[in-house]
PDB file of N, CA and C in Angstrom:
ATOM      1  N   UNK A   1       1.168  -1.331   0.143  1.00  0.00           N
ATOM      2  CA  UNK A   1       0.250   0.096   0.044  1.00  0.00           C
ATOM      3  C   UNK A   1       1.032   1.235  -0.217  1.00  0.00           C
ATOM      4  N   UNK A   2       1.283   1.973  -0.763  1.00  0.00           N
ATOM      5  CA  UNK A   2       2.032   2.723  -0.941  1.00  0.00           C
ATOM      6  C   UNK A   2       1.449   4.561  -0.504  1.00  0.00           C
ATOM      7  N   UNK A   3       0.161   4.248  -0.357  1.00  0.00           N
ATOM      8  CA  UNK A   3      -0.298   5.651   0.282  1.00  0.00           C
ATOM      9  C   UNK A   3      -0.898   5.666   1.161  1.00  0.00           C
ATOM     10  N   UNK A   4      -0.656   4.496   2.473  1.00  0.00           N
ATOM     11  CA  UNK A   4      -0.983   4.312   3.597  1.00  0.00           C
ATOM     12  C   UNK A   4      -0.875   5.466   4.648  1.00  0.00           C
ATOM     13  N   UNK A   5       0.364   6.104   4.447  1.00  0.00           N
ATOM     14  CA  UNK A   5       0.678   6.740   5.439  1.00  0.00           C
ATOM     15  C   UNK A   5       1.234   8.463   4.645  1.00  0.00           C
ATOM     16  N   UNK A   6       0.544   8.698   3.757  1.00  0.00           N
ATOM     17  CA  UNK A   6       0.988   9.770   3.024  1.00  0.00           C
ATOM     18  C   UNK A   6      -0.413  10.480   3.072  1.00  0.00           C
ATOM     19  N   UNK A   7      -0.145  12.399   3.102  1.00  0.00           N
ATOM     20  CA  UNK A   7      -1.075  13.456   3.123  1.00  0.00           C
ATOM     21  C   UNK A   7      -1.472  13.355   1.880  1.00  0.00           C
ATOM     22  N   UNK A   8      -3.035  13.864   1.632  1.00  0.00           N
ATOM     23  CA  UNK A   8      -3.438  13.640   0.554  1.00  0.00           C
ATOM     24  C   UNK A   8      -2.568  14.230  -0.675  1.00  0.00           C
ATOM     25  N   UNK A   9      -1.709  15.452  -0.621  1.00  0.00           N
ATOM     26  CA  UNK A   9      -0.539  15.854  -0.788  1.00  0.00           C
ATOM     27  C   UNK A   9       0.235  15.064  -1.361  1.00  0.00           C
ATOM     28  N   UNK A  10       0.801  13.835  -1.043  1.00  0.00           N
ATOM     29  CA  UNK A  10       1.539  13.464  -1.520  1.00  0.00           C
ATOM     30  C   UNK A  10       0.979  12.111  -2.191  1.00  0.00           C
ATOM     31  N   UNK A  11      -0.030  11.766  -1.461  1.00  0.00           N
ATOM     32  CA  UNK A  11      -0.598  11.015  -2.572  1.00  0.00           C
ATOM     33  C   UNK A  11      -1.165  11.350  -3.938  1.00  0.00           C
ATOM     34  N   UNK A  12      -1.391  12.180  -4.220  1.00  0.00           N
ATOM     35  CA  UNK A  12      -1.735  12.628  -5.417  1.00  0.00           C
ATOM     36  C   UNK A  12      -0.602  13.095  -6.371  1.00  0.00           C
ATOM     37  N   UNK A  13       0.512  13.691  -5.276  1.00  0.00           N
ATOM     38  CA  UNK A  13       2.006  13.056  -6.619  1.00  0.00           C
ATOM     39  C   UNK A  13       2.679  11.640  -6.683  1.00  0.00           C
ATOM     40  N   UNK A  14       2.407  11.189  -5.801  1.00  0.00           N
ATOM     41  CA  UNK A  14       2.509   9.471  -6.042  1.00  0.00           C
ATOM     42  C   UNK A  14       1.818   9.291  -6.833  1.00  0.00           C
ATOM     43  N   UNK A  15       0.218   9.045  -6.960  1.00  0.00           N
ATOM     44  CA  UNK A  15      -0.441   8.784  -8.536  1.00  0.00           C
ATOM     45  C   UNK A  15      -0.147   9.000  -9.362  1.00  0.00           C
ATOM     46  N   UNK A  16       0.427  10.331 -10.094  1.00  0.00           N
ATOM     47  CA  UNK A  16       1.289  11.383 -11.309  1.00  0.00           C
ATOM     48  C   UNK A  16       2.463  10.773 -11.321  1.00  0.00           C
ATOM     49  N   UNK A  17       3.329  11.117 -10.494  1.00  0.00           N
ATOM     50  CA  UNK A  17       4.489  10.798 -10.462  1.00  0.00           C
ATOM     51  C   UNK A  17       4.193   8.728 -11.657  1.00  0.00           C
ATOM     52  N   UNK A  18       3.347   8.404 -11.007  1.00  0.00           N
ATOM     53  CA  UNK A  18       2.997   6.160 -11.459  1.00  0.00           C
ATOM     54  C   UNK A  18       2.436   6.875 -12.808  1.00  0.00           C
ATOM     55  N   UNK A  19       1.812   7.260 -12.895  1.00  0.00           N
ATOM     56  CA  UNK A  19       1.083   7.589 -14.571  1.00  0.00           C
ATOM     57  C   UNK A  19       1.370   7.915 -15.026  1.00  0.00           C
ATOM     58  N   UNK A  20       3.015   9.159 -14.838  1.00  0.00           N
ATOM     59  CA  UNK A  20       3.733   9.967 -16.096  1.00  0.00           C
ATOM     60  C   UNK A  20       4.718   8.880 -16.553  1.00  0.00           C
ATOM     61  N   UNK A  21       5.122   8.247 -15.112  1.00  0.00           N
ATOM     62  CA  UNK A  21       6.180   7.293 -15.908  1.00  0.00           C
ATOM     63  C   UNK A  21       6.117   6.366 -17.007  1.00  0.00           C
ATOM     64  N   UNK A  22       7.091   6.641 -17.811  1.00  0.00           N
ATOM     65  CA  UNK A  22       6.607   5.481 -18.898  1.00  0.00           C
ATOM     66  C   UNK A  22       6.849   3.894 -19.053  1.00  0.00           C
ATOM     67  N   UNK A  23       7.399   3.692 -17.908  1.00  0.00           N
ATOM     68  CA  UNK A  23       8.090   2.304 -17.788  1.00  0.00           C
ATOM     69  C   UNK A  23       6.729   1.191 -17.136  1.00  0.00           C
ATOM     70  N   UNK A  24       7.023  -0.168 -17.408  1.00  0.00           N
ATOM     71  CA  UNK A  24       5.479  -0.366 -16.348  1.00  0.00           C
ATOM     72  C   UNK A  24       5.840  -0.506 -14.935  1.00  0.00           C
ATOM     73  N   UNK A  25       4.875  -0.630 -14.245  1.00  0.00           N
ATOM     74  CA  UNK A  25       5.062   0.087 -12.403  1.00  0.00           C
ATOM     75  C   UNK A  25       3.994  -0.820 -11.986  1.00  0.00           C
ATOM     76  N   UNK A  26       4.302  -1.724 -10.988  1.00  0.00           N
ATOM     77  CA  UNK A  26       2.994  -3.081 -10.381  1.00  0.00           C
ATOM     78  C   UNK A  26       2.670  -2.189  -9.313  1.00  0.00           C
ATOM     79  N   UNK A  27       1.568  -1.907  -9.497  1.00  0.00           N
ATOM     80  CA  UNK A  27       0.777  -1.105  -8.422  1.00  0.00           C
ATOM     81  C   UNK A  27      -0.007  -2.337  -7.444  1.00  0.00           C
ATOM     82  N   UNK A  28       0.150  -2.585  -6.014  1.00  0.00           N
ATOM     83  CA  UNK A  28      -1.120  -3.102  -5.503  1.00  0.00           C
ATOM     84  C   UNK A  28      -1.289  -1.867  -4.377  1.00  0.00           C
ATOM     85  N   UNK A  29      -2.919  -2.068  -4.445  1.00  0.00           N
ATOM     86  CA  UNK A  29      -3.580  -0.958  -3.469  1.00  0.00           C
ATOM     87  C   UNK A  29      -4.765  -0.947  -3.784  1.00  0.00           C
ATOM     88  N   UNK A  30      -5.298  -0.407  -2.682  1.00  0.00           N
ATOM     89  CA  UNK A  30      -7.309  -0.557  -2.532  1.00  0.00           C
ATOM     90  C   UNK A  30      -7.677   0.997  -2.638  1.00  0.00           C
ATOM     91  N   UNK A  31      -6.485   1.984  -2.335  1.00  0.00           N
ATOM     92  CA  UNK A  31      -6.520   3.210  -2.820  1.00  0.00           C
ATOM     93  C   UNK A  31      -7.234   3.433  -4.152  1.00  0.00           C
ATOM     94  N   UNK A  32      -8.378   3.326  -4.471  1.00  0.00           N
ATOM     95  CA  UNK A  32      -9.108   3.788  -5.520  1.00  0.00           C
ATOM     96  C   UNK A  32      -8.677   5.159  -6.292  1.00  0.00           C
ATOM     97  N   UNK A  33      -8.468   6.265  -5.658  1.00  0.00           N
ATOM     98  CA  UNK A  33      -8.195   7.100  -6.386  1.00  0.00           C
ATOM     99  C   UNK A  33      -6.566   7.396  -6.887  1.00  0.00           C
ATOM    100  N   UNK A  34      -6.016   6.305  -6.729  1.00  0.00           N
ATOM    101  CA  UNK A  34      -4.224   6.172  -7.364  1.00  0.00           C
ATOM    102  C   UNK A  34      -4.225   4.925  -8.307  1.00  0.00           C
ATOM    103  N   UNK A  35      -6.039   4.258  -7.562  1.00  0.00           N
ATOM    104  CA  UNK A  35      -5.365   2.941  -9.261  1.00  0.00           C
ATOM    105  C   UNK A  35      -6.421   4.237 -10.228  1.00  0.00           C
ATOM    106  N   UNK A  36      -7.111   4.999 -10.165  1.00  0.00           N
ATOM    107  CA  UNK A  36      -8.279   6.306 -11.111  1.00  0.00           C
ATOM    108  C   UNK A  36      -6.882   6.874 -11.882  1.00  0.00           C
ATOM    109  N   UNK A  37      -5.965   6.894 -11.286  1.00  0.00           N
ATOM    110  CA  UNK A  37      -5.044   8.253 -11.796  1.00  0.00           C
ATOM    111  C   UNK A  37      -4.139   7.509 -12.587  1.00  0.00           C
ATOM    112  N   UNK A  38      -3.412   5.878 -12.037  1.00  0.00           N
ATOM    113  CA  UNK A  38      -1.873   6.062 -12.283  1.00  0.00           C
ATOM    114  C   UNK A  38      -2.247   4.967 -13.059  1.00  0.00           C
ATOM    115  N   UNK A  39      -3.271   4.115 -13.014  1.00  0.00           N
ATOM    116  CA  UNK A  39      -4.028   2.678 -13.732  1.00  0.00           C
ATOM    117  C   UNK A  39      -4.052   2.760 -15.425  1.00  0.00           C
ATOM    118  N   UNK A  40      -3.548   2.168 -15.900  1.00  0.00           N
ATOM    119  CA  UNK A  40      -3.732   2.077 -17.419  1.00  0.00           C
ATOM    120  C   UNK A  40      -4.177   0.721 -18.081  1.00  0.00           C
ATOM    121  N   UNK A  41      -3.753  -0.504 -17.086  1.00  0.00           N
ATOM    122  CA  UNK A  41      -4.334  -1.468 -17.191  1.00  0.00           C
ATOM    123  C   UNK A  41      -4.483  -1.905 -15.415  1.00  0.00           C
ATOM    124  N   UNK A  42      -5.414  -3.090 -16.200  1.00  0.00           N
ATOM    125  CA  UNK A  42      -5.227  -4.010 -14.461  1.00  0.00           C
ATOM    126  C   UNK A  42      -5.034  -4.636 -14.706  1.00  0.00           C
ATOM    127  N   UNK A  43      -4.517  -5.722 -13.939  1.00  0.00           N
ATOM    128  CA  UNK A  43      -4.394  -7.394 -13.609  1.00  0.00           C
ATOM    129  C   UNK A  43      -4.954  -8.296 -12.671  1.00  0.00           C
ATOM    130  N   UNK A  44      -6.140  -9.127 -12.065  1.00  0.00           N
ATOM    131  CA  UNK A  44      -6.535  -8.923 -10.830  1.00  0.00           C
ATOM    132  C   UNK A  44      -6.235 -10.465 -10.840  1.00  0.00           C
ATOM    133  N   UNK A  45      -5.889 -10.840  -9.438  1.00  0.00           N
ATOM    134  CA  UNK A  45      -5.648 -11.584  -9.238  1.00  0.00           C
ATOM    135  C   UNK A  45      -7.037 -12.711  -8.026  1.00  0.00           C
ATOM    136  N   UNK A  46      -7.841 -13.978  -8.441  1.00  0.00           N
ATOM    137  CA  UNK A  46      -8.579 -14.594  -8.552  1.00  0.00           C
ATOM    138  C   UNK A  46      -8.865 -15.480  -8.262  1.00  0.00           C
ATOM    139  N   UNK A  47      -9.328 -16.292  -7.549  1.00  0.00           N
ATOM    140  CA  UNK A  47      -9.194 -17.374  -7.834  1.00  0.00           C
ATOM    141  C   UNK A  47      -8.191 -18.206  -7.839  1.00  0.00           C
ATOM    142  N   UNK A  48      -7.012 -17.720  -7.549  1.00  0.00           N
ATOM    143  CA  UNK A  48      -6.095 -18.589  -8.344  1.00  0.00           C
ATOM    144  C   UNK A  48      -5.596 -18.399  -9.722  1.00  0.00           C
ATOM    145  N   UNK A  49      -6.123 -17.661 -10.002  1.00  0.00           N
ATOM    146  CA  UNK A  49      -6.134 -17.077 -11.687  1.00  0.00           C
ATOM    147  C   UNK A  49      -5.443 -15.635 -12.026  1.00  0.00           C
ATOM    148  N   UNK A  50      -4.746 -15.240 -13.039  1.00  0.00           N
ATOM    149  CA  UNK A  50      -4.746 -13.297 -13.258  1.00  0.00           C
ATOM    150  C   UNK A  50      -5.243 -13.171 -14.712  1.00  0.00           C
ATOM    151  N   UNK A  51      -6.560 -12.305 -14.293  1.00  0.00           N
ATOM    152  CA  UNK A  51      -7.526 -11.404 -15.332  1.00  0.00           C
ATOM    153  C   UNK A  51      -6.450 -10.416 -15.789  1.00  0.00           C
ATOM    154  N   UNK A  52      -6.460 -10.615 -16.641  1.00  0.00           N
ATOM    155  CA  UNK A  52      -5.851  -8.943 -16.829  1.00  0.00           C
ATOM    156  C   UNK A  52      -6.790  -8.303 -18.310  1.00  0.00           C
ATOM    157  N   UNK A  53      -6.720  -7.279 -17.424  1.00  0.00           N
ATOM    158  CA  UNK A  53      -7.852  -5.707 -18.286  1.00  0.00           C
ATOM    159  C   UNK A  53      -7.205  -4.888 -19.216  1.00  0.00           C
ATOM    160  N   UNK A  54      -6.196  -4.799 -19.925  1.00  0.00           N
ATOM    161  CA  UNK A  54      -5.146  -4.217 -21.062  1.00  0.00           C
ATOM    162  C   UNK A  54      -5.799  -3.035 -21.310  1.00  0.00           C
ATOM    163  N   UNK A  55      -4.958  -2.115 -21.390  1.00  0.00           N
ATOM    164  CA  UNK A  55      -5.509  -0.050 -21.713  1.00  0.00           C
ATOM    165  C   UNK A  55      -6.957   0.067 -21.438  1.00  0.00           C
ATOM    166  N   UNK A  56      -7.029  -0.460 -19.895  1.00  0.00           N
ATOM    167  CA  UNK A  56      -8.695  -0.105 -19.389  1.00  0.00           C
ATOM    168  C   UNK A  56      -7.898   0.077 -17.825  1.00  0.00           C
ATOM    169  N   UNK A  57      -8.567   1.595 -17.807  1.00  0.00           N
ATOM    170  CA  UNK A  57      -8.416   2.243 -16.530  1.00  0.00           C
ATOM    171  C   UNK A  57      -9.127   1.603 -15.224  1.00  0.00           C
ATOM    172  N   UNK A  58      -9.377   2.053 -14.247  1.00  0.00           N
ATOM    173  CA  UNK A  58      -9.750   2.251 -12.959  1.00  0.00           C
ATOM    174  C   UNK A  58     -11.342   1.823 -13.027  1.00  0.00           C
ATOM    175  N   UNK A  59     -11.855   2.570 -13.329  1.00  0.00           N
ATOM    176  CA  UNK A  59     -13.185   2.428 -13.237  1.00  0.00           C
ATOM    177  C   UNK A  59     -13.507   1.905 -14.875  1.00  0.00           C
ATOM    178  N   UNK A  60     -13.080   1.479 -16.175  1.00  0.00           N
ATOM    179  CA  UNK A  60     -13.660   0.767 -16.747  1.00  0.00           C
ATOM    180  C   UNK A  60     -13.307  -0.617 -16.266  1.00  0.00           C
ATOM    181  N   UNK A  61     -12.537  -0.831 -15.829  1.00  0.00           N
ATOM    182  CA  UNK A  61     -11.847  -2.656 -15.197  1.00  0.00           C
ATOM    183  C   UNK A  61     -12.569  -2.737 -14.948  1.00  0.00           C
ATOM    184  N   UNK A  62     -13.994  -1.634 -13.490  1.00  0.00           N
ATOM    185  CA  UNK A  62     -15.002  -1.848 -12.631  1.00  0.00           C
ATOM    186  C   UNK A  62     -15.627  -2.589 -13.162  1.00  0.00           C
ATOM    187  N   UNK A  63     -16.240  -1.931 -14.346  1.00  0.00           N
ATOM    188  CA  UNK A  63     -17.374  -2.252 -14.891  1.00  0.00           C
ATOM    189  C   UNK A  63     -17.630  -3.364 -16.092  1.00  0.00           C
ATOM    190  N   UNK A  64     -16.085  -3.573 -16.551  1.00  0.00           N
ATOM    191  CA  UNK A  64     -15.720  -5.074 -17.876  1.00  0.00           C
ATOM    192  C   UNK A  64     -15.652  -5.813 -16.701  1.00  0.00           C
ATOM    193  N   UNK A  65     -15.155  -5.777 -15.594  1.00  0.00           N
ATOM    194  CA  UNK A  65     -15.013  -7.398 -14.651  1.00  0.00           C
ATOM    195  C   UNK A  65     -16.238  -7.382 -14.269  1.00  0.00           C
ATOM    196  N   UNK A  66     -17.223  -7.337 -13.984  1.00  0.00           N
ATOM    197  CA  UNK A  66     -19.285  -6.500 -14.134  1.00  0.00           C
ATOM    198  C   UNK A  66     -19.328  -7.589 -15.096  1.00  0.00           C
ATOM    199  N   UNK A  67     -19.463  -6.967 -16.862  1.00  0.00           N
ATOM    200  CA  UNK A  67     -19.920  -7.447 -17.534  1.00  0.00           C
ATOM    201  C   UNK A  67     -19.224  -9.444 -17.819  1.00  0.00           C
ATOM    202  N   UNK A  68     -17.933  -9.248 -17.460  1.00  0.00           N
ATOM    203  CA  UNK A  68     -17.298 -10.302 -17.487  1.00  0.00           C
ATOM    204  C   UNK A  68     -18.337 -11.416 -16.803  1.00  0.00           C
ATOM    205  N   UNK A  69     -18.546 -10.848 -15.707  1.00  0.00           N
ATOM    206  CA  UNK A  69     -18.396 -12.216 -14.710  1.00  0.00           C
ATOM    207  C   UNK A  69     -20.253 -12.262 -15.061  1.00  0.00           C
ATOM    208  N   UNK A  70     -21.261 -11.514 -14.988  1.00  0.00           N
ATOM    209  CA  UNK A  70     -22.423 -11.268 -16.048  1.00  0.00           C
ATOM    210  C   UNK A  70     -22.015 -12.678 -16.988  1.00  0.00           C
ATOM    211  N   UNK A  71     -21.172 -12.436 -17.489  1.00  0.00           N
ATOM    212  CA  UNK A  71     -21.429 -13.760 -19.028  1.00  0.00           C
ATOM    213  C   UNK A  71     -21.058 -14.488 -18.614  1.00  0.00           C
ATOM    214  N   UNK A  72     -19.652 -14.955 -17.850  1.00  0.00           N
ATOM    215  CA  UNK A  72     -19.566 -16.207 -16.581  1.00  0.00           C
ATOM    216  C   UNK A  72     -20.896 -16.957 -16.752  1.00  0.00           C
ATOM    217  N   UNK A  73     -21.329 -15.866 -15.385  1.00  0.00           N
ATOM    218  CA  UNK A  73     -22.624 -16.380 -14.703  1.00  0.00           C
ATOM    219  C   UNK A  73     -23.919 -16.736 -16.033  1.00  0.00           C
ATOM    220  N   UNK A  74     -24.208 -16.284 -17.414  1.00  0.00           N
ATOM    221  CA  UNK A  74     -24.888 -17.060 -18.243  1.00  0.00           C
ATOM    222  C   UNK A  74     -25.141 -17.960 -19.407  1.00  0.00           C
ATOM    223  N   UNK A  75     -23.560 -17.775 -19.230  1.00  0.00           N
ATOM    224  CA  UNK A  75     -22.629 -19.523 -20.152  1.00  0.00           C
ATOM    225  C   UNK A  75     -22.780 -20.252 -19.239  1.00  0.00           C
ATOM    226  N   UNK A  76     -22.505 -20.545 -17.830  1.00  0.00           N
ATOM    227  CA  UNK A  76     -22.907 -21.369 -16.912  1.00  0.00           C
ATOM    228  C   UNK A  76     -24.891 -21.986 -17.059  1.00  0.00           C
ATOM    229  N   UNK A  77     -25.355 -20.996 -16.615  1.00  0.00           N
ATOM    230  CA  UNK A  77     -26.179 -21.104 -16.533  1.00  0.00           C
ATOM    231  C   UNK A  77     -27.755 -21.814 -18.479  1.00  0.00           C
ATOM    232  N   UNK A  78     -26.748 -21.429 -19.280  1.00  0.00           N
ATOM    233  CA  UNK A  78     -26.855 -22.491 -20.435  1.00  0.00           C
ATOM    234  C   UNK A  78     -26.192 -23.076 -20.655  1.00  0.00           C
ATOM    235  N   UNK A  79     -25.248 -23.653 -20.390  1.00  0.00           N
ATOM    236  CA  UNK A  79     -24.106 -25.160 -20.130  1.00  0.00           C
ATOM    237  C   UNK A  79     -25.112 -26.006 -19.441  1.00  0.00           C
ATOM    238  N   UNK A  80     -25.848 -25.297 -18.088  1.00  0.00           N
ATOM    239  CA  UNK A  80     -26.822 -26.335 -17.423  1.00  0.00           C
ATOM    240  C   UNK A  80     -27.726 -26.615 -17.846  1.00  0.00           C
ATOM    241  N   UNK A  81     -28.777 -25.647 -18.536  1.00  0.00           N
ATOM    242  CA  UNK A  81     -30.033 -25.832 -18.980  1.00  0.00           C
ATOM    243  C   UNK A  81     -29.486 -27.317 -20.300  1.00  0.00           C
ATOM    244  N   UNK A  82     -28.683 -27.019 -20.920  1.00  0.00           N
ATOM    245  CA  UNK A  82     -27.920 -27.711 -22.030  1.00  0.00           C
ATOM    246  C   UNK A  82     -27.757 -29.326 -21.543  1.00  0.00           C
ATOM    247  N   UNK A  83     -26.924 -29.402 -20.668  1.00  0.00           N
ATOM    248  CA  UNK A  83     -26.497 -30.537 -19.509  1.00  0.00           C
ATOM    249  C   UNK A  83     -28.227 -31.242 -19.296  1.00  0.00           C
ATOM    250  N   UNK A  84     -28.917 -30.312 -18.768  1.00  0.00           N
ATOM    251  CA  UNK A  84     -30.489 -30.957 -18.290  1.00  0.00           C
ATOM    252  C   UNK A  84     -31.052 -31.880 -19.053  1.00  0.00           C
ATOM    253  N   UNK A  85     -30.773 -31.218 -20.557  1.00  0.00           N
ATOM    254  CA  UNK A  85     -31.579 -31.560 -22.015  1.00  0.00           C
ATOM    255  C   UNK A  85     -31.786 -32.240 -22.035  1.00  0.00           C
ATOM    256  N   UNK A  86     -30.184 -32.753 -22.705  1.00  0.00           N
ATOM    257  CA  UNK A  86     -29.369 -34.255 -22.863  1.00  0.00           C
ATOM    258  C   UNK A  86     -29.539 -35.450 -21.706  1.00  0.00           C
ATOM    259  N   UNK A  87     -29.695 -34.514 -20.851  1.00  0.00           N
ATOM    260  CA  UNK A  87     -30.418 -35.572 -19.574  1.00  0.00           C
ATOM    261  C   UNK A  87     -31.384 -36.333 -19.083  1.00  0.00           C
ATOM    262  N   UNK A  88     -32.103 -35.414 -19.816  1.00  0.00           N
ATOM    263  CA  UNK A  88     -33.802 -35.662 -20.347  1.00  0.00           C
ATOM    264  C   UNK A  88     -33.857 -36.304 -20.909  1.00  0.00           C
ATOM    265  N   UNK A  89     -33.563 -36.632 -22.309  1.00  0.00           N
ATOM    266  CA  UNK A  89     -33.176 -37.293 -23.407  1.00  0.00           C
ATOM    267  C   UNK A  89     -32.754 -38.884 -23.266  1.00  0.00           C
ATOM    268  N   UNK A  90     -31.703 -38.562 -22.476  1.00  0.00           N
ATOM    269  CA  UNK A  90     -30.835 -40.170 -21.993  1.00  0.00           C
ATOM    270  C   UNK A  90     -31.932 -41.080 -21.372  1.00  0.00           C
ATOM    271  N   UNK A  91     -32.415 -40.236 -19.902  1.00  0.00           N
ATOM    272  CA  UNK A  91     -33.329 -40.345 -19.322  1.00  0.00           C
ATOM    273  C   UNK A  91     -35.402 -41.047 -20.240  1.00  0.00           C
ATOM    274  N   UNK A  92     -35.224 -40.715 -20.870  1.00  0.00           N
ATOM    275  CA  UNK A  92     -36.580 -40.880 -22.158  1.00  0.00           C
ATOM    276  C   UNK A  92     -35.567 -41.792 -22.806  1.00  0.00           C
ATOM    277  N   UNK A  93     -35.036 -42.031 -23.637  1.00  0.00           N
ATOM    278  CA  UNK A  93     -34.339 -42.860 -24.288  1.00  0.00           C
ATOM    279  C   UNK A  93     -33.627 -44.116 -24.521  1.00  0.00           C
ATOM    280  N   UNK A  94     -32.924 -44.084 -23.364  1.00  0.00           N
ATOM    281  CA  UNK A  94     -31.514 -44.502 -23.068  1.00  0.00           C
ATOM    282  C   UNK A  94     -30.633 -44.470 -24.054  1.00  0.00           C
ATOM    283  N   UNK A  95     -29.670 -45.353 -23.819  1.00  0.00           N
ATOM    284  CA  UNK A  95     -28.999 -45.625 -24.567  1.00  0.00           C
ATOM    285  C   UNK A  95     -28.980 -46.145 -26.134  1.00  0.00           C
ATOM    286  N   UNK A  96     -30.345 -46.282 -26.600  1.00  0.00           N
ATOM    287  CA  UNK A  96     -30.551 -46.669 -27.739  1.00  0.00           C
ATOM    288  C   UNK A  96     -29.834 -46.567 -29.067  1.00  0.00           C
ATOM    289  N   UNK A  97     -29.728 -47.650 -29.455  1.00  0.00           N
ATOM    290  CA  UNK A  97     -28.051 -46.962 -31.028  1.00  0.00           C
ATOM    291  C   UNK A  97     -29.593 -46.437 -32.570  1.00  0.00           C
ATOM    292  N   UNK A  98     -30.737 -46.710 -31.616  1.00  0.00           N
ATOM    293  CA  UNK A  98     -31.741 -45.889 -33.039  1.00  0.00           C
ATOM    294  C   UNK A  98     -31.577 -44.428 -32.926  1.00  0.00           C
ATOM    295  N   UNK A  99     -31.606 -43.254 -31.586  1.00  0.00           N
ATOM    296  CA  UNK A  99     -31.963 -42.977 -31.367  1.00  0.00           C
ATOM    297  C   UNK A  99     -30.711 -42.158 -31.044  1.00  0.00           C
ATOM    298  N   UNK A 100     -29.171 -42.534 -31.368  1.00  0.00           N
ATOM    299  CA  UNK A 100     -28.253 -42.021 -30.874  1.00  0.00           C
ATOM    300  C   UNK A 100     -28.113 -41.229 -32.651  1.00  0.00           C
ATOM    301  N   UNK A 101     -28.606 -40.635 -33.561  1.00  0.00           N
ATOM    302  CA  UNK A 101     -28.181 -39.836 -34.772  1.00  0.00           C
ATOM    303  C   UNK A 101     -29.261 -38.909 -34.954  1.00  0.00           C
TER     304      UNK A 101
END
């Protein structure tokens, strides 16, 4: 947390310094003001995986993360529905060779 013990002026300076820096900087922070100012891309570690949001500032990252979550939920729902349909077909017709095509 690079800004935990800094006053508002120093926090703004750090955020602007990082934003203007021309190389890659890895920032780990819960300071949303810092992240909004300093970040051009975000990488989130969640569930043991790294999810990359390239070219997105912090606010866009938040919106995109929500959209990705909604898409994953919708995909899962469709997969469960399809699995239920397949199971119903199997339950109805069994493993009949004539119905396999």
